[in-house]
Protein backbone atom coordinates (compact mmCIF):
# COMPACT_ATOMS: atom_id res chain seq x y z
CA UNK A 1 15.81 -24.80 -25.31
CA UNK A 2 15.94 -21.92 -27.81
CA UNK A 3 13.75 -20.80 -30.68
CA UNK A 4 15.12 -18.96 -33.71
CA UNK A 5 13.23 -17.16 -36.48
CA UNK A 6 13.76 -14.47 -39.09
CA UNK A 7 11.61 -11.34 -39.28
CA UNK A 8 10.26 -9.91 -42.57
CA UNK A 9 13.00 -7.24 -42.62
CA UNK A 10 15.70 -9.92 -42.54
CA UNK A 11 16.63 -9.65 -38.87
CA UNK A 12 17.17 -12.94 -37.08
CA UNK A 13 15.74 -13.37 -33.60
CA UNK A 14 16.82 -16.00 -31.11
CA UNK A 15 14.85 -16.45 -27.90
CA UNK A 16 15.39 -18.61 -24.90
CA UNK A 17 12.26 -20.60 -24.08
CA UNK A 18 13.69 -22.39 -21.06
CA UNK A 19 15.43 -25.61 -20.09
CA UNK A 20 14.43 -28.84 -21.82
CA UNK A 21 12.86 -31.64 -19.76
CA UNK A 22 14.00 -35.09 -20.88
CA UNK A 23 13.15 -37.04 -17.74
CA UNK A 24 9.99 -38.99 -17.03
CA UNK A 25 7.09 -37.54 -15.13
CA UNK A 26 5.71 -34.05 -14.95
CA UNK A 27 8.33 -31.32 -15.64
CA UNK A 28 8.98 -28.62 -13.04
CA UNK A 29 7.68 -25.12 -13.70
CA UNK A 30 9.62 -23.41 -16.46
CA UNK A 31 10.83 -26.61 -18.19
CA UNK A 32 9.76 -27.56 -21.72
CA UNK A 33 8.86 -30.97 -23.12
CA UNK A 34 8.51 -31.70 -26.84
CA UNK A 35 4.78 -31.12 -26.58
CA UNK A 36 4.99 -27.78 -24.75
CA UNK A 37 7.78 -26.62 -27.09
CA UNK A 38 5.54 -27.34 -30.08
CA UNK A 39 2.73 -25.39 -28.39
CA UNK A 40 5.13 -22.45 -27.93
CA UNK A 41 6.05 -22.65 -31.64
CA UNK A 42 2.37 -22.58 -32.64
CA UNK A 43 1.91 -19.51 -30.44
CA UNK A 44 4.85 -17.78 -32.15
CA UNK A 45 3.44 -18.56 -35.60
CA UNK A 46 0.03 -17.28 -34.53
CA UNK A 47 1.57 -14.01 -33.30
CA UNK A 48 3.44 -13.68 -36.60
CA UNK A 49 0.17 -14.02 -38.54
CA UNK A 50 -1.46 -11.37 -36.33
CA UNK A 51 1.53 -9.04 -36.70
CA UNK A 52 2.07 -8.96 -32.92
CA UNK A 53 5.23 -11.06 -32.79
CA UNK A 54 7.95 -9.45 -30.70
CA UNK A 55 10.42 -7.63 -32.92
CA UNK A 56 8.20 -7.22 -35.98
CA UNK A 57 7.76 -3.55 -35.13
CA UNK A 58 10.93 -1.56 -34.40
CA UNK A 59 10.32 1.20 -31.88
CA UNK A 60 13.93 2.39 -31.77
CA UNK A 61 13.66 2.71 -27.99
CA UNK A 62 15.13 0.75 -25.12
CA UNK A 63 13.25 -0.30 -22.02
CA UNK A 64 15.27 2.21 -19.99
CA UNK A 65 14.08 5.01 -22.26
CA UNK A 66 10.52 3.78 -21.85
CA UNK A 67 10.97 3.95 -18.07
CA UNK A 68 12.08 7.59 -18.32
CA UNK A 69 9.06 8.42 -20.46
CA UNK A 70 6.72 6.66 -18.02
CA UNK A 71 8.12 8.53 -15.00
CA UNK A 72 7.85 11.83 -16.90
CA UNK A 73 4.28 11.01 -17.87
CA UNK A 74 3.04 10.10 -14.38
CA UNK A 75 4.71 13.19 -12.88
CA UNK A 76 3.71 15.87 -15.39
CA UNK A 77 0.75 14.52 -17.34
CA UNK A 78 -0.91 12.42 -14.65
CA UNK A 79 0.34 14.65 -11.81
CA UNK A 80 0.76 11.79 -9.37
CA UNK A 81 1.84 12.58 -5.81
CA UNK A 82 5.53 12.92 -5.07
CA UNK A 83 5.46 9.90 -2.74
CA UNK A 84 3.95 7.76 -5.51
CA UNK A 85 6.61 8.91 -7.96
CA UNK A 86 9.35 7.98 -5.49
CA UNK A 87 7.86 4.49 -5.03
CA UNK A 88 7.65 3.91 -8.79
CA UNK A 89 11.16 5.22 -9.40
CA UNK A 90 12.52 2.95 -6.67
CA UNK A 91 10.82 -0.11 -8.18
CA UNK A 92 12.14 0.74 -11.64
CA UNK A 93 15.72 1.54 -10.63
CA UNK A 94 16.06 -1.34 -8.18
CA UNK A 95 14.37 -4.16 -10.08
CA UNK A 96 13.28 -3.35 -13.63
CA UNK A 97 16.17 -1.43 -15.21
CA UNK A 98 18.85 -3.92 -14.04
CA UNK A 99 16.93 -6.74 -15.75
CA UNK A 100 15.65 -5.10 -18.97
CA UNK A 101 17.26 -1.65 -19.21
CA UNK A 102 19.27 -2.23 -22.40
CA UNK A 103 16.65 -4.39 -24.15
CA UNK A 104 14.83 -3.08 -27.20
CA UNK A 105 11.20 -2.56 -26.21
CA UNK A 106 9.88 -4.83 -28.93
CA UNK A 107 12.17 -7.68 -27.85
CA UNK A 108 10.48 -8.15 -24.46
CA UNK A 109 7.98 -10.99 -24.54
CA UNK A 110 5.44 -12.32 -22.08
CA UNK A 111 7.68 -15.35 -21.59
CA UNK A 112 10.63 -13.10 -20.74
CA UNK A 113 8.56 -11.33 -18.10
CA UNK A 114 7.38 -14.64 -16.66
CA UNK A 115 10.95 -15.95 -16.39
CA UNK A 116 11.99 -12.70 -14.68
CA UNK A 117 9.04 -12.94 -12.30
CA UNK A 118 9.88 -16.53 -11.37
CA UNK A 119 13.55 -15.70 -10.83
CA UNK A 120 12.64 -12.72 -8.66
CA UNK A 121 10.30 -14.85 -6.57
CA UNK A 122 13.00 -17.48 -6.10
CA UNK A 123 15.89 -15.17 -5.24
CA UNK A 124 14.92 -11.63 -4.25
CA UNK A 125 11.22 -10.97 -3.68
CA UNK A 126 9.40 -13.19 -1.19
CA UNK A 127 6.29 -11.10 -0.69
CA UNK A 128 3.35 -11.56 -3.06
CA UNK A 129 2.33 -7.96 -2.44
CA UNK A 130 5.75 -6.63 -3.45
CA UNK A 131 5.80 -8.80 -6.58
CA UNK A 132 2.35 -7.60 -7.51
CA UNK A 133 3.46 -3.97 -7.15
CA UNK A 134 6.51 -4.57 -9.35
CA UNK A 135 4.36 -6.15 -12.06
CA UNK A 136 1.92 -3.24 -11.82
CA UNK A 137 4.73 -0.75 -12.45
CA UNK A 138 6.15 -2.97 -15.24
CA UNK A 139 2.71 -3.07 -16.86
CA UNK A 140 2.44 0.71 -16.59
CA UNK A 141 5.81 1.24 -18.31
CA UNK A 142 4.88 -1.07 -21.21
CA UNK A 143 1.34 0.32 -21.52
CA UNK A 144 2.75 3.84 -21.82
CA UNK A 145 5.23 2.48 -24.41
CA UNK A 146 2.31 1.03 -26.35
CA UNK A 147 0.89 4.54 -26.78
CA UNK A 148 4.08 6.57 -27.00
CA UNK A 149 6.30 4.25 -29.06
CA UNK A 150 3.48 2.44 -30.92
CA UNK A 151 4.42 -0.90 -29.36
CA UNK A 152 1.92 -3.44 -30.79
CA UNK A 153 1.08 -5.18 -27.51
CA UNK A 154 1.83 -5.00 -23.80
CA UNK A 155 3.71 -8.23 -22.92
CA UNK A 156 2.94 -7.83 -19.22
CA UNK A 157 -0.84 -7.94 -19.74
CA UNK A 158 -0.96 -11.73 -19.89
CA UNK A 159 1.45 -12.35 -17.01
CA UNK A 160 -0.26 -13.91 -14.00
CA UNK A 161 0.23 -11.86 -10.85
CA UNK A 162 0.55 -13.44 -7.41
CA UNK A 163 -2.35 -12.71 -5.12
CA UNK A 164 -1.26 -10.88 -1.97
CA UNK A 165 -2.28 -12.48 1.29
CA UNK A 166 -4.99 -10.61 3.14
CA UNK A 167 -3.89 -9.15 6.43
CA UNK A 168 -6.58 -10.37 8.76
CA UNK A 169 -4.98 -9.54 12.10
CA UNK A 170 -4.52 -5.95 13.23
CA UNK A 171 -2.54 -5.39 16.40
CA UNK A 172 -3.67 -2.28 18.25
CA UNK A 173 -3.45 -0.64 21.66
CA UNK A 174 -6.26 -0.68 24.18
CA UNK A 175 -7.48 2.70 25.53
CA UNK A 176 -5.52 2.02 28.72
CA UNK A 177 -2.37 1.29 26.74
CA UNK A 178 -2.78 4.50 24.75
CA UNK A 179 -2.78 6.45 28.01
CA UNK A 180 0.30 4.53 29.19
CA UNK A 181 2.04 5.51 25.95
CA UNK A 182 1.03 9.15 26.42
CA UNK A 183 2.35 9.18 29.99
CA UNK A 184 5.69 7.74 28.80
CA UNK A 185 6.20 10.34 26.06
CA UNK A 186 9.44 12.33 26.18
CA UNK A 187 7.65 15.70 25.94
CA UNK A 188 4.21 17.25 26.25
CA UNK A 189 4.18 17.76 22.50
CA UNK A 190 4.83 14.07 21.82
CA UNK A 191 2.22 13.15 24.41
CA UNK A 192 -0.37 15.32 22.63
CA UNK A 193 0.68 13.92 19.26
CA UNK A 194 0.35 10.27 20.34
CA UNK A 195 -3.07 10.92 21.88
CA UNK A 196 -4.25 12.81 18.79
CA UNK A 197 -3.05 10.00 16.52
CA UNK A 198 -4.96 7.34 18.45
CA UNK A 199 -8.13 9.40 19.02
CA UNK A 200 -8.46 10.88 15.51
CA UNK A 201 -6.93 8.24 13.23
CA UNK A 202 -4.84 10.83 11.37
CA UNK A 203 -1.90 9.45 9.39
CA UNK A 204 1.58 10.45 10.48
CA UNK A 205 2.05 12.82 7.53
CA UNK A 206 -1.32 14.46 8.27
CA UNK A 207 -0.31 15.05 11.89
CA UNK A 208 3.00 16.61 10.87
CA UNK A 209 1.18 19.01 8.49
CA UNK A 210 -1.56 19.98 10.97
CA UNK A 211 -1.81 23.73 11.71
CA UNK A 212 -3.62 25.44 14.56
CA UNK A 213 -6.11 26.97 12.15
CA UNK A 214 -7.18 23.39 11.32
CA UNK A 215 -8.17 22.72 14.95
CA UNK A 216 -11.69 23.98 15.62
CA UNK A 217 -12.09 23.81 19.40
CA UNK A 218 -15.55 25.39 19.33
CA UNK A 219 -16.81 22.95 16.71
CA UNK A 220 -14.94 19.97 18.24
CA UNK A 221 -13.43 19.24 14.84
CA UNK A 222 -10.03 18.70 13.26
CA UNK A 223 -9.86 19.51 9.55
CA UNK A 224 -7.41 17.39 7.56
CA UNK A 225 -6.31 19.44 4.54
CA UNK A 226 -2.72 18.44 3.84
CA UNK A 227 0.06 15.95 4.61
CA UNK A 228 3.85 16.14 4.91
CA UNK A 229 5.59 13.06 3.51
CA UNK A 230 9.02 12.44 1.98
CA UNK A 231 9.97 16.01 3.01
CA UNK A 232 7.29 17.52 0.83
CA UNK A 233 3.90 19.10 1.55
CA UNK A 234 1.09 17.39 -0.35
CA UNK A 235 -2.58 16.45 -0.12
CA UNK A 236 -3.95 13.68 2.12
CA UNK A 237 -3.51 10.16 0.72
CA UNK A 238 -7.04 9.99 -0.70
CA UNK A 239 -6.58 13.38 -2.35
CA UNK A 240 -9.56 14.73 -0.41
CA UNK A 241 -9.88 16.89 2.69
CA UNK A 242 -12.00 15.68 5.60
CA UNK A 243 -13.18 16.59 9.08
CA UNK A 244 -12.59 14.40 12.15
CA UNK A 245 -14.30 14.74 15.57
CA UNK A 246 -12.15 16.23 18.33
CA UNK A 247 -12.66 14.24 21.53
CA UNK A 248 -12.63 16.22 24.83
CA UNK A 249 -9.44 14.47 26.04
CA UNK A 250 -7.61 15.47 22.86
CA UNK A 251 -9.02 19.02 22.95
CA UNK A 252 -7.74 19.45 26.53
CA UNK A 253 -4.25 18.24 25.57
CA UNK A 254 -4.13 20.48 22.51
CA UNK A 255 -5.33 23.53 24.47
CA UNK A 256 -2.54 22.97 26.98
CA UNK A 257 -0.01 22.54 24.15
CA UNK A 258 -1.25 25.73 22.49
CA UNK A 259 -0.73 27.64 25.72
CA UNK A 260 2.71 26.09 26.26
CA UNK A 261 3.74 27.24 22.78
CA UNK A 262 2.85 30.83 23.73
CA UNK A 263 -0.45 31.08 21.83
CA UNK A 264 1.17 30.75 18.36
CA UNK A 265 -0.13 32.16 15.08
CA UNK A 266 -3.04 30.21 13.55
CA UNK A 267 -0.83 29.27 10.59
CA UNK A 268 1.81 27.70 12.88
CA UNK A 269 2.26 23.94 12.98
CA UNK A 270 0.60 22.11 15.88
CA UNK A 271 3.52 19.67 16.16
CA UNK A 272 6.58 21.57 14.89
CA UNK A 273 10.21 20.55 14.81
CA UNK A 274 12.81 22.24 17.06
CA UNK A 275 13.04 25.29 14.81
CA UNK A 276 9.35 25.69 14.10
CA UNK A 277 9.55 23.84 10.79
CA UNK A 278 8.26 20.37 9.94
CA UNK A 279 9.17 17.57 12.31
CA UNK A 280 11.47 14.83 10.98
CA UNK A 281 9.35 11.68 10.67
CA UNK A 282 12.13 9.18 11.43
CA UNK A 283 13.04 11.03 14.65
CA UNK A 284 9.39 10.97 15.71
CA UNK A 285 9.24 7.23 14.99
CA UNK A 286 12.34 6.72 17.13
CA UNK A 287 10.84 8.62 20.07
CA UNK A 288 7.60 6.68 19.66
CA UNK A 289 9.42 3.34 19.97
CA UNK A 290 11.28 4.59 23.05
CA UNK A 291 7.95 5.63 24.61
CA UNK A 292 6.51 2.17 23.93
CA UNK A 293 9.49 0.60 25.66
CA UNK A 294 9.29 3.00 28.61
CA UNK A 295 5.60 2.18 29.00
CA UNK A 296 6.31 -1.57 28.93
CA UNK A 297 4.23 -2.03 25.79
CA UNK A 298 4.87 -4.33 22.83
CA UNK A 299 6.56 -2.91 19.75
CA UNK A 300 3.91 -1.66 17.34
CA UNK A 301 4.19 0.58 14.29
CA UNK A 302 3.20 4.23 14.57
CA UNK A 303 0.54 3.49 11.94
CA UNK A 304 -1.08 1.08 14.41
CA UNK A 305 -2.30 4.13 16.36
CA UNK A 306 -4.49 4.80 13.31
CA UNK A 307 -5.70 1.20 13.40
CA UNK A 308 -6.46 1.68 17.10
CA UNK A 309 -8.88 4.46 16.14
CA UNK A 310 -10.51 2.33 13.43
CA UNK A 311 -11.05 -0.73 15.62
CA UNK A 312 -12.56 1.34 18.45
CA UNK A 313 -14.83 3.48 16.29
CA UNK A 314 -16.30 0.66 14.17
CA UNK A 315 -18.53 -0.26 17.11
CA UNK A 316 -19.97 3.26 17.39
CA UNK A 317 -20.44 4.56 13.83
CA UNK A 318 -21.50 3.00 10.55
CA UNK A 319 -18.95 2.08 7.87
CA UNK A 320 -19.62 5.12 5.70
CA UNK A 321 -19.04 7.46 8.64
CA UNK A 322 -15.85 5.61 9.56
CA UNK A 323 -14.64 5.74 5.97
CA UNK A 324 -15.18 9.50 5.94
CA UNK A 325 -13.36 10.02 9.23
CA UNK A 326 -10.38 7.91 8.20
CA UNK A 327 -10.16 9.25 4.66
CA UNK A 328 -10.21 5.87 2.92
CA UNK A 329 -10.41 5.92 -0.86
CA UNK A 330 -12.50 2.74 -0.89
CA UNK A 331 -15.07 1.25 1.47
CA UNK A 332 -13.21 -2.07 1.04
CA UNK A 333 -10.34 -0.61 3.05
CA UNK A 334 -12.71 0.37 5.85
CA UNK A 335 -14.24 -3.11 5.94
CA UNK A 336 -11.03 -4.53 7.44
CA UNK A 337 -12.31 -3.24 10.81
CA UNK A 338 -15.69 -5.00 10.60
CA UNK A 339 -14.66 -8.06 12.59
CA UNK A 340 -13.82 -5.76 15.53
CA UNK A 341 -17.42 -4.55 15.75
CA UNK A 342 -19.18 -5.70 18.94
CA UNK A 343 -21.99 -8.19 18.28
CA UNK A 344 -24.04 -8.09 21.50
CA UNK A 345 -27.31 -7.30 19.71
CA UNK A 346 -26.76 -10.01 17.13
CA UNK A 347 -25.74 -12.47 19.84
CA UNK A 348 -29.04 -11.75 21.62
CA UNK A 349 -30.92 -12.38 18.36
CA UNK A 350 -29.15 -15.73 17.95
CA UNK A 351 -30.14 -16.65 21.50
CA UNK A 352 -33.73 -15.64 20.78
CA UNK A 353 -33.76 -17.66 17.55
CA UNK A 354 -32.67 -20.78 19.42
CA UNK A 355 -34.93 -20.09 22.38
CA UNK A 356 -32.01 -19.95 24.79
CA UNK A 357 -32.18 -16.30 25.81
CA UNK A 358 -31.63 -15.93 29.55
CA UNK A 359 -31.15 -19.65 30.15
CA UNK A 360 -27.74 -20.39 28.64
CA UNK A 361 -25.88 -20.43 31.96
CA UNK A 362 -28.45 -22.74 33.59
CA UNK A 363 -28.33 -25.13 30.65
CA UNK A 364 -24.53 -25.11 30.71
CA UNK A 365 -24.51 -26.00 34.40
CA UNK A 366 -27.09 -28.71 33.84
CA UNK A 367 -25.05 -30.30 31.05
CA UNK A 368 -21.87 -30.32 33.15
CA UNK A 369 -23.68 -32.04 35.98
């Protein structure tokens, strides 16, 4: 089912609404009945009266050009991190340009975006989280176009975004399993790195960028000032530096590693590559998986060492302290560890409230008898 109209400057526009539904019963998503087609026509006429109808304003720019402007803007004007820029560029080049690259900016409607979203969900993108990220980038491109090219409206603003499923389960290593992993490491340096990751919660990029001057043995502290990701030195993910406690076990390992490296310069990397430069992340990940296998442990991501730290520490510090140690931008992120917090004191209060404190086992035995 198509709709055709002529703009005030004489240009004729023809848009595809979607397939017509002529059967009985409720139409599937995306199909139009006579009633819904008439509603779409009323919406078009309303947009024409408001002056926001797609095509009424000619920007002279294509969607691909708007993508280039958006990437330039977030890199130079907004000064986003290099890793963020790479993610946005990948989303644009892989999914958005192939679909809308040659379109005139003003020709893209909310309905066009919805049809694209539905097609993507049906054929290419199964994850709600991925689809939400793509729509976020799409919205950013069109919002920048609204300012830069004087586009009347952002057609992505009214597009419903799928809600990503919350990840409730976190799979982590027990303290005993961490030590098994450390013992199975291919080198003393990897052993120290795995232990540091699990006992400090540092991200992989923060570990690779760690220098000896950041390790304060006397103050039992590790200062997190930088990260190395996508082969580039940058700031930690939150954009803020932080200090993390240095446990005695980690301090002992790092002291031994420092001595084994010949007491290096304070500016040297704690976990360098073979030539003293930054370690290659994918090679580290490969050695980590081999160590897991050698230790007889299940296959977990390297990032799960960070989760191991979070799930252990939530029972010993409050949420604000844990947020500070882990460098979370939002307390909501830290709250994912709350259901790993031991509840012995609360359990005792429940028992006291029900008058069962100290007698639960006797009552249980009595009931079974």
